[in-house]
């Protein structure tokens, strides 16, 4: 797979990121860098979320899920959050 050269945030992702504290943003940015280095690191989803991958990382004691999609050299960031209702909200956002 070729190198990621562009990162695009969805409006939902941007709104969620705005609400974070500085240390949380740093951890999120670290997770995004990891994905950029190895886009296949996340687990691929099926069903109505086909094509979406989810990368899981820890922040303190909380597991955070980060939904993204890679299209050639572009990384699309859709959403992130805890596991509670994550997939339902993501599906609702993508299919509106």
Protein backbone atom coordinates (compact mmCIF):
# COMPACT_ATOMS: atom_id res chain seq x y z
CA UNK A 1 0.00 0.00 0.00
CA UNK A 2 1.26 3.48 -0.81
CA UNK A 3 2.09 6.18 1.72
CA UNK A 4 -0.74 8.28 3.21
CA UNK A 5 -0.33 11.86 1.95
CA UNK A 6 -3.64 13.45 2.95
CA UNK A 7 -5.85 13.26 6.05
CA UNK A 8 -9.49 14.38 5.91
CA UNK A 9 -11.65 14.75 9.02
CA UNK A 10 -15.40 14.37 8.84
CA UNK A 11 -17.43 17.21 10.38
CA UNK A 12 -18.44 14.79 13.17
CA UNK A 13 -14.79 13.97 13.91
CA UNK A 14 -13.87 17.67 14.02
CA UNK A 15 -16.72 18.43 16.45
CA UNK A 16 -15.70 15.55 18.71
CA UNK A 17 -12.03 16.56 18.67
CA UNK A 18 -12.88 20.15 19.62
CA UNK A 19 -14.30 18.94 22.95
CA UNK A 20 -11.12 17.11 24.01
CA UNK A 21 -8.44 18.26 26.44
CA UNK A 22 -4.86 18.81 25.23
CA UNK A 23 -3.56 15.48 26.55
CA UNK A 24 -6.46 13.64 24.91
CA UNK A 25 -5.77 15.37 21.58
CA UNK A 26 -2.11 14.33 21.82
CA UNK A 27 -3.11 10.70 22.38
CA UNK A 28 -5.57 10.87 19.45
CA UNK A 29 -2.89 12.39 17.20
CA UNK A 30 -0.51 9.58 18.21
CA UNK A 31 -3.15 7.00 17.20
CA UNK A 32 -3.61 8.76 13.84
CA UNK A 33 0.17 8.67 13.25
CA UNK A 34 0.17 4.92 13.95
CA UNK A 35 -2.63 4.44 11.41
CA UNK A 36 -0.75 6.53 8.84
CA UNK A 37 2.33 4.32 9.25
CA UNK A 38 0.31 1.10 8.94
CA UNK A 39 -3.19 1.68 7.47
CA UNK A 40 -4.07 -2.03 7.82
CA UNK A 41 -3.66 -1.98 11.63
CA UNK A 42 -7.39 -1.53 12.34
CA UNK A 43 -9.97 -4.28 12.17
CA UNK A 44 -12.17 -4.22 9.06
CA UNK A 45 -15.91 -4.03 9.61
CA UNK A 46 -18.60 -5.82 7.63
CA UNK A 47 -22.29 -5.34 6.97
CA UNK A 48 -23.46 -1.75 6.71
CA UNK A 49 -20.03 -0.55 7.87
CA UNK A 50 -18.16 -2.39 5.12
CA UNK A 51 -14.99 -0.55 4.07
CA UNK A 52 -14.59 1.09 7.48
CA UNK A 53 -11.74 0.07 9.77
CA UNK A 54 -11.62 0.61 13.51
CA UNK A 55 -8.40 1.09 15.47
CA UNK A 56 -8.59 0.60 19.24
CA UNK A 57 -6.28 2.39 21.66
CA UNK A 58 -6.17 2.97 25.40
CA UNK A 59 -6.48 6.33 27.06
CA UNK A 60 -5.97 5.80 30.77
CA UNK A 61 -8.32 2.97 31.69
CA UNK A 62 -10.69 3.70 28.78
CA UNK A 63 -10.66 1.90 25.46
CA UNK A 64 -11.20 4.34 22.60
CA UNK A 65 -12.29 3.32 19.10
CA UNK A 66 -11.26 5.32 16.04
CA UNK A 67 -13.18 4.75 12.78
CA UNK A 68 -11.38 5.47 9.53
CA UNK A 69 -11.18 4.55 5.87
CA UNK A 70 -8.17 4.52 3.54
CA UNK A 71 -8.66 5.32 -0.13
CA UNK A 72 -5.36 5.11 -2.05
CA UNK A 73 -3.25 7.84 -0.39
CA UNK A 74 -6.05 9.54 1.60
CA UNK A 75 -7.01 8.77 5.19
CA UNK A 76 -10.62 9.64 6.06
CA UNK A 77 -11.31 10.01 9.80
CA UNK A 78 -14.98 9.48 10.63
CA UNK A 79 -15.47 9.22 14.38
CA UNK A 80 -13.97 8.14 17.69
CA UNK A 81 -15.28 7.34 21.14
CA UNK A 82 -15.97 4.65 23.70
CA UNK A 83 -17.57 1.36 22.73
CA UNK A 84 -20.98 2.31 24.10
CA UNK A 85 -23.27 2.94 21.08
CA UNK A 86 -20.19 3.65 18.93
CA UNK A 87 -21.12 1.43 15.99
CA UNK A 88 -24.78 2.46 16.05
CA UNK A 89 -23.91 6.18 15.99
CA UNK A 90 -21.28 5.65 13.29
CA UNK A 91 -23.73 3.73 11.11
CA UNK A 92 -26.38 6.42 11.60
CA UNK A 93 -23.87 9.16 10.66
CA UNK A 94 -22.60 7.35 7.54
CA UNK A 95 -26.07 6.51 6.21
CA UNK A 96 -27.90 9.79 6.76
